[in-house]
Amino acid sequence: MSDLTHLDDKGRARMVDVSDKAVTVRRAHASGRLRMQQATLERILSGDLPKGDVLAVARTAGIMAAKQTSSLIPLCHPLPLDAVTVQFEREADGVLRVEATITVTARTGAEMEALVAVSVAGLTVYDMCKAVDRGMQLTDVRLLEKSGGRSGDFRREPPPALEP
C-alpha cells in the first residue's frame, strides 16, 4: 500500500475519506520570504507606494485565499476555518517574512490553507510593488508546524540562515 493517501489502489487520484477521523482542533503555521530591493522594502514599510497600504491588502488577500484553498487545490477538503492570521516582518535587508497561522476544528488539517495564505499574500505584495521592483522573489514557502489529528504534531527545524 502506498503512503500517498491521495492515490487509490490503482494509482488514481482520489479525495481522502475523512469520515472516520475525529473532529479535533488543528493548527498549521507556514512562512515564506519575499526578497526585494531594500528601497522597495522601505517603501512598503513606510506606506510610500501609489497603490496604498500594501501589507493591509496582502494580509486580506492571504486570509481570503486560505478560505478558498479547496477551490484552488483539487483534492483538498473545504474547511470551516476558525481563525486565520497573516503577518509580515522585516527579516533582513530586502527580505520580508510572510507568516500565516490557521486554526480549524475539523476532521483534517489546515497545512494547505496556511501554505496558500503565505503564497497569495506574498504574490499580492509582488503585484502591488512590481512597478518599482520586478526582480522580487517569493522563496522558502514552507510548513513550519502543525498540530492535531491522527498523524500527530510536526515541527520543522529553524529555517536556514539567509544567504548573502
C-alpha atoms as a PDB file:
ATOM      1  CA  MET A   1       0.000   0.000   0.000  1.00  0.00           C
ATOM      2  CA  SER A   2       1.255   3.463  -0.882  1.00  0.00           C
ATOM      3  CA  ASP A   3       1.911   6.176   1.687  1.00  0.00           C
ATOM      4  CA  LEU A   4       0.343   8.625  -0.765  1.00  0.00           C
ATOM      5  CA  THR A   5      -3.160   8.989   0.613  1.00  0.00           C
ATOM      6  CA  HIS A   6      -4.464  10.829  -2.448  1.00  0.00           C
ATOM      7  CA  LEU A   7      -3.993   7.746  -4.651  1.00  0.00           C
ATOM      8  CA  ASP A   8      -6.281   4.734  -4.688  1.00  0.00           C
ATOM      9  CA  ASP A   9      -5.020   1.133  -5.015  1.00  0.00           C
ATOM     10  CA  LYS A  10      -4.779   1.575  -8.798  1.00  0.00           C
ATOM     11  CA  GLY A  11      -2.776   4.799  -8.576  1.00  0.00           C
ATOM     12  CA  ARG A  12      -5.674   7.091  -9.473  1.00  0.00           C
ATOM     13  CA  ALA A  13      -6.161  10.431  -7.756  1.00  0.00           C
ATOM     14  CA  ARG A  14      -8.857  10.489  -5.105  1.00  0.00           C
ATOM     15  CA  MET A  15     -10.138  12.676  -2.328  1.00  0.00           C
ATOM     16  CA  VAL A  16      -9.248  11.099   1.026  1.00  0.00           C
ATOM     17  CA  ASP A  17     -12.213   9.793   3.008  1.00  0.00           C
ATOM     18  CA  VAL A  18     -12.008  11.527   6.400  1.00  0.00           C
ATOM     19  CA  SER A  19     -15.399  10.393   7.697  1.00  0.00           C
ATOM     20  CA  ASP A  20     -13.845   8.066  10.297  1.00  0.00           C
ATOM     21  CA  LYS A  21     -11.468  10.698  11.671  1.00  0.00           C
ATOM     22  CA  ALA A  22     -12.242  12.548  14.879  1.00  0.00           C
ATOM     23  CA  VAL A  23     -13.118  16.213  14.800  1.00  0.00           C
ATOM     24  CA  THR A  24     -10.277  17.927  16.675  1.00  0.00           C
ATOM     25  CA  VAL A  25      -8.678  21.333  16.885  1.00  0.00           C
ATOM     26  CA  ARG A  26      -5.914  21.506  14.315  1.00  0.00           C
ATOM     27  CA  ARG A  27      -3.383  24.245  13.707  1.00  0.00           C
ATOM     28  CA  ALA A  28      -0.935  24.912  10.893  1.00  0.00           C
ATOM     29  CA  HIS A  29       1.757  27.581  10.653  1.00  0.00           C
ATOM     30  CA  ALA A  30       3.657  28.363   7.431  1.00  0.00           C
ATOM     31  CA  SER A  31       6.105  31.001   6.261  1.00  0.00           C
ATOM     32  CA  GLY A  32       7.847  32.354   3.204  1.00  0.00           C
ATOM     33  CA  ARG A  33      10.289  35.077   2.244  1.00  0.00           C
ATOM     34  CA  LEU A  34       9.818  37.849  -0.260  1.00  0.00           C
ATOM     35  CA  ARG A  35      13.210  39.078  -1.434  1.00  0.00           C
ATOM     36  CA  MET A  36      13.384  42.540  -2.984  1.00  0.00           C
ATOM     37  CA  GLN A  37      15.462  45.668  -3.264  1.00  0.00           C
ATOM     38  CA  GLN A  38      15.980  47.312   0.110  1.00  0.00           C
ATOM     39  CA  ALA A  39      14.418  50.527  -1.227  1.00  0.00           C
ATOM     40  CA  THR A  40      11.251  48.599  -2.117  1.00  0.00           C
ATOM     41  CA  LEU A  41      11.003  47.146   1.373  1.00  0.00           C
ATOM     42  CA  GLU A  42      11.446  50.603   2.888  1.00  0.00           C
ATOM     43  CA  ARG A  43       8.622  51.948   0.713  1.00  0.00           C
ATOM     44  CA  ILE A  44       6.347  49.066   1.703  1.00  0.00           C
ATOM     45  CA  LEU A  45       7.022  49.564   5.407  1.00  0.00           C
ATOM     46  CA  SER A  46       6.581  53.333   5.226  1.00  0.00           C
ATOM     47  CA  GLY A  47       3.397  53.130   3.147  1.00  0.00           C
ATOM     48  CA  ASP A  48       5.001  55.117   0.337  1.00  0.00           C
ATOM     49  CA  LEU A  49       3.573  53.307  -2.670  1.00  0.00           C
ATOM     50  CA  PRO A  50       0.905  54.578  -5.070  1.00  0.00           C
ATOM     51  CA  LYS A  51      -1.401  51.556  -4.588  1.00  0.00           C
ATOM     52  CA  GLY A  52      -1.776  52.230  -0.858  1.00  0.00           C
ATOM     53  CA  ASP A  53      -1.190  50.051   2.206  1.00  0.00           C
ATOM     54  CA  VAL A  54       0.474  47.038   0.613  1.00  0.00           C
ATOM     55  CA  LEU A  55       0.565  44.923   3.760  1.00  0.00           C
ATOM     56  CA  ALA A  56      -3.111  45.501   4.628  1.00  0.00           C
ATOM     57  CA  VAL A  57      -4.165  44.412   1.147  1.00  0.00           C
ATOM     58  CA  ALA A  58      -1.780  41.431   1.178  1.00  0.00           C
ATOM     59  CA  ARG A  59      -2.998  40.366   4.633  1.00  0.00           C
ATOM     60  CA  THR A  60      -6.598  40.436   3.403  1.00  0.00           C
ATOM     61  CA  ALA A  61      -5.629  38.520   0.248  1.00  0.00           C
ATOM     62  CA  GLY A  62      -3.906  35.825   2.324  1.00  0.00           C
ATOM     63  CA  ILE A  63      -6.942  35.420   4.561  1.00  0.00           C
ATOM     64  CA  MET A  64      -9.285  35.236   1.566  1.00  0.00           C
ATOM     65  CA  ALA A  65      -7.000  32.714  -0.152  1.00  0.00           C
ATOM     66  CA  ALA A  66      -6.956  30.435   2.907  1.00  0.00           C
ATOM     67  CA  LYS A  67     -10.753  30.393   2.802  1.00  0.00           C
ATOM     68  CA  GLN A  68     -10.666  29.381  -0.887  1.00  0.00           C
ATOM     69  CA  THR A  69      -7.996  26.664  -0.705  1.00  0.00           C
ATOM     70  CA  SER A  70     -10.339  23.801  -1.591  1.00  0.00           C
ATOM     71  CA  SER A  71     -11.303  25.699  -4.760  1.00  0.00           C
ATOM     72  CA  LEU A  72      -7.636  26.006  -5.750  1.00  0.00           C
ATOM     73  CA  ILE A  73      -6.175  22.628  -4.723  1.00  0.00           C
ATOM     74  CA  PRO A  74      -8.378  19.941  -6.298  1.00  0.00           C
ATOM     75  CA  LEU A  75      -8.254  17.242  -3.602  1.00  0.00           C
ATOM     76  CA  CYS A  76      -8.428  19.490  -0.523  1.00  0.00           C
ATOM     77  CA  HIS A  77     -11.481  19.308   1.686  1.00  0.00           C
ATOM     78  CA  PRO A  78     -13.379  22.544   2.291  1.00  0.00           C
ATOM     79  CA  LEU A  79     -12.744  23.533   5.899  1.00  0.00           C
ATOM     80  CA  PRO A  80     -14.705  25.733   8.319  1.00  0.00           C
ATOM     81  CA  LEU A  81     -11.743  27.865   9.394  1.00  0.00           C
ATOM     82  CA  ASP A  82     -11.874  29.121  12.970  1.00  0.00           C
ATOM     83  CA  ALA A  83      -9.034  31.654  12.622  1.00  0.00           C
ATOM     84  CA  VAL A  84      -6.580  32.890  10.025  1.00  0.00           C
ATOM     85  CA  THR A  85      -3.727  35.258  10.760  1.00  0.00           C
ATOM     86  CA  VAL A  86      -1.274  36.642   8.235  1.00  0.00           C
ATOM     87  CA  GLN A  87       1.719  38.619   9.471  1.00  0.00           C
ATOM     88  CA  PHE A  88       4.707  40.359   7.932  1.00  0.00           C
ATOM     89  CA  GLU A  89       8.085  41.109   9.417  1.00  0.00           C
ATOM     90  CA  ARG A  90      11.329  42.552   8.090  1.00  0.00           C
ATOM     91  CA  GLU A  91      13.728  39.628   8.341  1.00  0.00           C
ATOM     92  CA  ALA A  92      16.811  41.258   6.839  1.00  0.00           C
ATOM     93  CA  ASP A  93      17.743  43.981   4.382  1.00  0.00           C
ATOM     94  CA  GLY A  94      15.469  43.475   1.398  1.00  0.00           C
ATOM     95  CA  VAL A  95      13.675  40.461   2.913  1.00  0.00           C
ATOM     96  CA  LEU A  96      10.072  40.489   4.096  1.00  0.00           C
ATOM     97  CA  ARG A  97       8.966  37.397   6.010  1.00  0.00           C
ATOM     98  CA  VAL A  98       5.353  36.312   5.454  1.00  0.00           C
ATOM     99  CA  GLU A  99       3.687  34.018   8.014  1.00  0.00           C
ATOM    100  CA  ALA A 100       0.231  32.503   8.231  1.00  0.00           C
ATOM    101  CA  THR A 101      -1.408  30.556  11.026  1.00  0.00           C
ATOM    102  CA  ILE A 102      -4.641  28.641  10.577  1.00  0.00           C
ATOM    103  CA  THR A 103      -6.827  27.132  13.291  1.00  0.00           C
ATOM    104  CA  VAL A 104      -9.686  24.806  12.448  1.00  0.00           C
ATOM    105  CA  THR A 105     -11.919  22.356  14.290  1.00  0.00           C
ATOM    106  CA  ALA A 106     -12.325  19.606  11.720  1.00  0.00           C
ATOM    107  CA  ARG A 107     -11.510  16.067  10.587  1.00  0.00           C
ATOM    108  CA  THR A 108      -8.463  17.102   8.551  1.00  0.00           C
ATOM    109  CA  GLY A 109      -5.633  19.571   8.922  1.00  0.00           C
ATOM    110  CA  ALA A 110      -5.054  23.030   7.521  1.00  0.00           C
ATOM    111  CA  GLU A 111      -1.494  22.796   6.188  1.00  0.00           C
ATOM    112  CA  MET A 112      -2.539  23.634   2.640  1.00  0.00           C
ATOM    113  CA  GLU A 113      -4.554  26.633   3.827  1.00  0.00           C
ATOM    114  CA  ALA A 114      -1.503  28.030   5.631  1.00  0.00           C
ATOM    115  CA  LEU A 115       0.732  27.491   2.589  1.00  0.00           C
ATOM    116  CA  VAL A 116      -1.818  29.054   0.235  1.00  0.00           C
ATOM    117  CA  ALA A 117      -2.250  32.067   2.548  1.00  0.00           C
ATOM    118  CA  VAL A 118       1.523  32.682   2.595  1.00  0.00           C
ATOM    119  CA  SER A 119       1.804  32.270  -1.169  1.00  0.00           C
ATOM    120  CA  VAL A 120      -1.086  34.568  -2.062  1.00  0.00           C
ATOM    121  CA  ALA A 121      -0.076  37.207   0.492  1.00  0.00           C
ATOM    122  CA  GLY A 122       3.438  37.206  -0.991  1.00  0.00           C
ATOM    123  CA  LEU A 123       2.141  37.330  -4.551  1.00  0.00           C
ATOM    124  CA  THR A 124      -0.106  40.243  -3.610  1.00  0.00           C
ATOM    125  CA  VAL A 125       2.898  42.199  -2.332  1.00  0.00           C
ATOM    126  CA  TYR A 126       4.622  41.414  -5.632  1.00  0.00           C
ATOM    127  CA  ASP A 127       1.605  42.572  -7.631  1.00  0.00           C
ATOM    128  CA  MET A 128       1.321  45.824  -5.742  1.00  0.00           C
ATOM    129  CA  CYS A 129       5.063  46.580  -5.982  1.00  0.00           C
ATOM    130  CA  LYS A 130       6.045  45.206  -9.388  1.00  0.00           C
ATOM    131  CA  ALA A 131       6.043  48.693 -10.914  1.00  0.00           C
ATOM    132  CA  VAL A 132       9.027  49.596  -8.738  1.00  0.00           C
ATOM    133  CA  ASP A 133      10.744  46.187  -8.411  1.00  0.00           C
ATOM    134  CA  ARG A 134      10.111  43.413 -10.935  1.00  0.00           C
ATOM    135  CA  GLY A 135      13.021  41.397  -9.515  1.00  0.00           C
ATOM    136  CA  MET A 136      11.210  40.398  -6.330  1.00  0.00           C
ATOM    137  CA  GLN A 137      11.242  36.682  -5.488  1.00  0.00           C
ATOM    138  CA  LEU A 138       8.876  34.682  -3.305  1.00  0.00           C
ATOM    139  CA  THR A 139      11.027  31.924  -1.784  1.00  0.00           C
ATOM    140  CA  ASP A 140      11.202  29.376   1.001  1.00  0.00           C
ATOM    141  CA  VAL A 141       7.444  28.785   1.312  1.00  0.00           C
ATOM    142  CA  ARG A 142       7.227  26.004   3.874  1.00  0.00           C
ATOM    143  CA  LEU A 143       5.175  24.448   6.609  1.00  0.00           C
ATOM    144  CA  LEU A 144       6.764  25.325   9.963  1.00  0.00           C
ATOM    145  CA  GLU A 145       4.498  23.348  12.227  1.00  0.00           C
ATOM    146  CA  LYS A 146       1.177  21.603  12.511  1.00  0.00           C
ATOM    147  CA  SER A 147      -0.693  20.118  15.420  1.00  0.00           C
ATOM    148  CA  GLY A 148      -3.755  17.969  15.937  1.00  0.00           C
ATOM    149  CA  GLY A 149      -5.030  14.959  14.112  1.00  0.00           C
ATOM    150  CA  ARG A 150      -4.117  11.312  13.811  1.00  0.00           C
ATOM    151  CA  SER A 151      -0.653  11.849  12.316  1.00  0.00           C
ATOM    152  CA  GLY A 152       0.463  13.881  15.326  1.00  0.00           C
ATOM    153  CA  ASP A 153       2.460  17.046  15.556  1.00  0.00           C
ATOM    154  CA  PHE A 154       5.153  18.295  13.173  1.00  0.00           C
ATOM    155  CA  ARG A 155       7.710  20.992  13.852  1.00  0.00           C
ATOM    156  CA  ARG A 156      10.349  21.995  11.284  1.00  0.00           C
ATOM    157  CA  GLU A 157      13.806  22.787  12.488  1.00  0.00           C
ATOM    158  CA  PRO A 158      14.560  26.539  12.398  1.00  0.00           C
ATOM    159  CA  PRO A 159      14.839  27.833   8.839  1.00  0.00           C
ATOM    160  CA  PRO A 160      18.324  28.115   7.401  1.00  0.00           C
ATOM    161  CA  ALA A 161      20.169  31.405   7.692  1.00  0.00           C
ATOM    162  CA  LEU A 162      19.715  33.809   4.853  1.00  0.00           C
ATOM    163  CA  GLU A 163      22.292  33.706   2.094  1.00  0.00           C
ATOM    164  CA  PRO A 164      24.103  36.992   1.462  1.00  0.00           C
END
